[in-house]
C-alpha atoms as a PDB file:
ATOM      1  CA  UNK A   1     -16.746 -28.601  18.231  1.00  0.00           C
ATOM      2  CA  UNK A   2     -13.352 -28.682  16.510  1.00  0.00           C
ATOM      3  CA  UNK A   3     -11.881 -25.369  15.452  1.00  0.00           C
ATOM      4  CA  UNK A   4     -12.306 -26.096  11.714  1.00  0.00           C
ATOM      5  CA  UNK A   5     -15.958 -27.046  12.198  1.00  0.00           C
ATOM      6  CA  UNK A   6     -16.509 -23.991  14.402  1.00  0.00           C
ATOM      7  CA  UNK A   7     -14.911 -21.732  11.801  1.00  0.00           C
ATOM      8  CA  UNK A   8     -17.094 -23.275   9.066  1.00  0.00           C
ATOM      9  CA  UNK A   9     -20.203 -22.780  11.220  1.00  0.00           C
ATOM     10  CA  UNK A  10     -19.206 -19.181  11.978  1.00  0.00           C
ATOM     11  CA  UNK A  11     -18.733 -18.205   8.338  1.00  0.00           C
ATOM     12  CA  UNK A  12     -21.910 -20.055   7.308  1.00  0.00           C
ATOM     13  CA  UNK A  13     -23.862 -18.186   9.979  1.00  0.00           C
ATOM     14  CA  UNK A  14     -22.340 -14.845   8.949  1.00  0.00           C
ATOM     15  CA  UNK A  15     -23.208 -15.463   5.288  1.00  0.00           C
ATOM     16  CA  UNK A  16     -26.845 -14.531   5.911  1.00  0.00           C
ATOM     17  CA  UNK A  17     -27.742 -10.802   6.113  1.00  0.00           C
ATOM     18  CA  UNK A  18     -30.560 -11.413   8.615  1.00  0.00           C
ATOM     19  CA  UNK A  19     -28.161 -13.162  10.997  1.00  0.00           C
ATOM     20  CA  UNK A  20     -25.613 -10.355  10.604  1.00  0.00           C
ATOM     21  CA  UNK A  21     -28.355  -7.837  11.421  1.00  0.00           C
ATOM     22  CA  UNK A  22     -29.302  -9.858  14.507  1.00  0.00           C
ATOM     23  CA  UNK A  23     -25.675  -9.827  15.643  1.00  0.00           C
ATOM     24  CA  UNK A  24     -25.482  -6.076  15.044  1.00  0.00           C
ATOM     25  CA  UNK A  25     -28.533  -5.608  17.253  1.00  0.00           C
ATOM     26  CA  UNK A  26     -27.115  -7.885  19.966  1.00  0.00           C
ATOM     27  CA  UNK A  27     -23.847  -5.933  19.899  1.00  0.00           C
ATOM     28  CA  UNK A  28     -25.878  -3.119  21.495  1.00  0.00           C
ATOM     29  CA  UNK A  29     -27.119  -5.369  24.307  1.00  0.00           C
ATOM     30  CA  UNK A  30     -29.178  -8.417  25.176  1.00  0.00           C
ATOM     31  CA  UNK A  31     -32.574  -8.797  23.513  1.00  0.00           C
ATOM     32  CA  UNK A  32     -35.560 -11.126  23.530  1.00  0.00           C
ATOM     33  CA  UNK A  33     -36.640 -13.116  20.476  1.00  0.00           C
ATOM     34  CA  UNK A  34     -39.608 -10.748  20.149  1.00  0.00           C
ATOM     35  CA  UNK A  35     -37.284  -7.734  20.163  1.00  0.00           C
ATOM     36  CA  UNK A  36     -35.050  -9.350  17.558  1.00  0.00           C
ATOM     37  CA  UNK A  37     -37.993 -10.278  15.305  1.00  0.00           C
ATOM     38  CA  UNK A  38     -39.525  -6.778  15.348  1.00  0.00           C
ATOM     39  CA  UNK A  39     -37.502  -5.147  12.504  1.00  0.00           C
ATOM     40  CA  UNK A  40     -37.886  -8.132  10.162  1.00  0.00           C
ATOM     41  CA  UNK A  41     -40.821  -9.115   7.994  1.00  0.00           C
ATOM     42  CA  UNK A  42     -40.747 -12.718   9.190  1.00  0.00           C
ATOM     43  CA  UNK A  43     -42.386 -14.880  11.776  1.00  0.00           C
ATOM     44  CA  UNK A  44     -41.004 -15.531  15.213  1.00  0.00           C
ATOM     45  CA  UNK A  45     -40.356 -19.209  14.310  1.00  0.00           C
ATOM     46  CA  UNK A  46     -38.274 -18.035  11.322  1.00  0.00           C
ATOM     47  CA  UNK A  47     -36.235 -15.753  13.590  1.00  0.00           C
ATOM     48  CA  UNK A  48     -35.856 -18.659  16.019  1.00  0.00           C
ATOM     49  CA  UNK A  49     -34.313 -20.736  13.221  1.00  0.00           C
ATOM     50  CA  UNK A  50     -31.779 -17.981  12.573  1.00  0.00           C
ATOM     51  CA  UNK A  51     -31.032 -17.833  16.292  1.00  0.00           C
ATOM     52  CA  UNK A  52     -30.421 -21.587  16.389  1.00  0.00           C
ATOM     53  CA  UNK A  53     -27.863 -21.256  13.573  1.00  0.00           C
ATOM     54  CA  UNK A  54     -26.128 -18.423  15.443  1.00  0.00           C
ATOM     55  CA  UNK A  55     -26.219 -20.396  18.687  1.00  0.00           C
ATOM     56  CA  UNK A  56     -24.788 -23.562  17.084  1.00  0.00           C
ATOM     57  CA  UNK A  57     -21.968 -21.445  15.650  1.00  0.00           C
ATOM     58  CA  UNK A  58     -21.227 -20.090  19.135  1.00  0.00           C
ATOM     59  CA  UNK A  59     -22.021 -16.519  18.088  1.00  0.00           C
ATOM     60  CA  UNK A  60     -24.855 -16.060  20.586  1.00  0.00           C
ATOM     61  CA  UNK A  61     -26.128 -17.656  23.762  1.00  0.00           C
ATOM     62  CA  UNK A  62     -29.627 -17.729  25.197  1.00  0.00           C
ATOM     63  CA  UNK A  63     -30.322 -17.429  28.876  1.00  0.00           C
ATOM     64  CA  UNK A  64     -33.381 -17.913  31.035  1.00  0.00           C
ATOM     65  CA  UNK A  65     -35.034 -15.046  32.836  1.00  0.00           C
ATOM     66  CA  UNK A  66     -38.433 -16.239  34.103  1.00  0.00           C
ATOM     67  CA  UNK A  67     -40.541 -16.631  30.910  1.00  0.00           C
ATOM     68  CA  UNK A  68     -38.017 -14.760  28.743  1.00  0.00           C
ATOM     69  CA  UNK A  69     -35.016 -16.215  26.968  1.00  0.00           C
ATOM     70  CA  UNK A  70     -32.773 -13.204  26.369  1.00  0.00           C
ATOM     71  CA  UNK A  71     -30.127 -13.584  23.687  1.00  0.00           C
ATOM     72  CA  UNK A  72     -26.625 -12.207  24.002  1.00  0.00           C
ATOM     73  CA  UNK A  73     -23.697 -12.012  21.640  1.00  0.00           C
ATOM     74  CA  UNK A  74     -20.683 -14.222  22.350  1.00  0.00           C
ATOM     75  CA  UNK A  75     -17.208 -13.274  21.173  1.00  0.00           C
ATOM     76  CA  UNK A  76     -15.349 -16.594  20.992  1.00  0.00           C
ATOM     77  CA  UNK A  77     -16.352 -17.629  17.488  1.00  0.00           C
ATOM     78  CA  UNK A  78     -15.869 -14.119  16.136  1.00  0.00           C
ATOM     79  CA  UNK A  79     -12.406 -14.014  17.708  1.00  0.00           C
ATOM     80  CA  UNK A  80     -11.539 -17.308  15.997  1.00  0.00           C
ATOM     81  CA  UNK A  81     -12.716 -15.932  12.639  1.00  0.00           C
ATOM     82  CA  UNK A  82     -10.767 -12.701  13.168  1.00  0.00           C
ATOM     83  CA  UNK A  83      -7.619 -14.675  13.993  1.00  0.00           C
ATOM     84  CA  UNK A  84      -8.013 -16.804  10.863  1.00  0.00           C
ATOM     85  CA  UNK A  85      -8.523 -13.704   8.702  1.00  0.00           C
ATOM     86  CA  UNK A  86      -5.586 -11.945  10.373  1.00  0.00           C
ATOM     87  CA  UNK A  87      -3.169 -14.515   8.941  1.00  0.00           C
ATOM     88  CA  UNK A  88      -4.324 -13.700   5.437  1.00  0.00           C
ATOM     89  CA  UNK A  89      -4.218  -9.951   6.103  1.00  0.00           C
ATOM     90  CA  UNK A  90      -0.548 -10.283   7.065  1.00  0.00           C
ATOM     91  CA  UNK A  91       0.211 -12.207   3.863  1.00  0.00           C
ATOM     92  CA  UNK A  92      -1.455  -9.538   1.700  1.00  0.00           C
ATOM     93  CA  UNK A  93       0.229  -6.685   3.555  1.00  0.00           C
ATOM     94  CA  UNK A  94       3.660  -8.249   2.875  1.00  0.00           C
ATOM     95  CA  UNK A  95       2.755  -8.618  -0.798  1.00  0.00           C
ATOM     96  CA  UNK A  96       1.539  -5.026  -1.034  1.00  0.00           C
ATOM     97  CA  UNK A  97       4.742  -3.763   0.630  1.00  0.00           C
ATOM     98  CA  UNK A  98       6.803  -5.656  -1.969  1.00  0.00           C
ATOM     99  CA  UNK A  99       4.617  -4.231  -4.742  1.00  0.00           C
ATOM    100  CA  UNK A 100       5.015  -0.704  -3.328  1.00  0.00           C
ATOM    101  CA  UNK A 101       8.793  -1.129  -3.252  1.00  0.00           C
ATOM    102  CA  UNK A 102       8.797  -2.389  -6.848  1.00  0.00           C
ATOM    103  CA  UNK A 103       6.641   0.498  -8.029  1.00  0.00           C
ATOM    104  CA  UNK A 104       8.900   3.003  -6.246  1.00  0.00           C
ATOM    105  CA  UNK A 105      11.944   1.497  -7.985  1.00  0.00           C
ATOM    106  CA  UNK A 106      10.232   1.566 -11.373  1.00  0.00           C
ATOM    107  CA  UNK A 107       9.143   5.190 -10.920  1.00  0.00           C
ATOM    108  CA  UNK A 108      12.680   6.226 -10.006  1.00  0.00           C
ATOM    109  CA  UNK A 109      13.978   4.694 -13.230  1.00  0.00           C
ATOM    110  CA  UNK A 110      16.085   2.038 -11.510  1.00  0.00           C
ATOM    111  CA  UNK A 111      15.898  -1.595 -12.430  1.00  0.00           C
ATOM    112  CA  UNK A 112      13.918  -3.622  -9.905  1.00  0.00           C
ATOM    113  CA  UNK A 113      16.090  -5.386  -7.320  1.00  0.00           C
ATOM    114  CA  UNK A 114      14.682  -8.738  -8.399  1.00  0.00           C
ATOM    115  CA  UNK A 115      15.986  -8.167 -11.949  1.00  0.00           C
ATOM    116  CA  UNK A 116      19.519  -7.280 -10.780  1.00  0.00           C
ATOM    117  CA  UNK A 117      20.163 -10.452  -8.793  1.00  0.00           C
ATOM    118  CA  UNK A 118      22.932 -12.483 -10.352  1.00  0.00           C
ATOM    119  CA  UNK A 119      22.142 -15.906 -11.678  1.00  0.00           C
ATOM    120  CA  UNK A 120      24.003 -18.982 -10.569  1.00  0.00           C
ATOM    121  CA  UNK A 121      26.593 -20.190 -13.010  1.00  0.00           C
ATOM    122  CA  UNK A 122      26.290 -23.743 -14.198  1.00  0.00           C
ATOM    123  CA  UNK A 123      29.343 -25.891 -13.655  1.00  0.00           C
END
């Protein structure tokens, strides 16, 4: 799956509160479908549909252990999402630092540095 498609699938999977709750449970350790279905008021087939969405997004994997198919959380897709979000966090932090500097200048009574820059003269 291409990174853009994987990122889309990750955010789509994370958009659902049931799937986020399943991931929170799996963050504590592997679990069976039965274990994952227990806290929800839904059928096992409904939980299985949620698990398929999470699996397609690369957020979980399912193994085989005799008759059981334990689920486990996978970090790759979450790491991709975190990296994508990190770029935007850096942009906003730079903007907030500039805003902080402007507010500090305004509170001190000085003209903002951006207002004191000289303009180019037309020839």
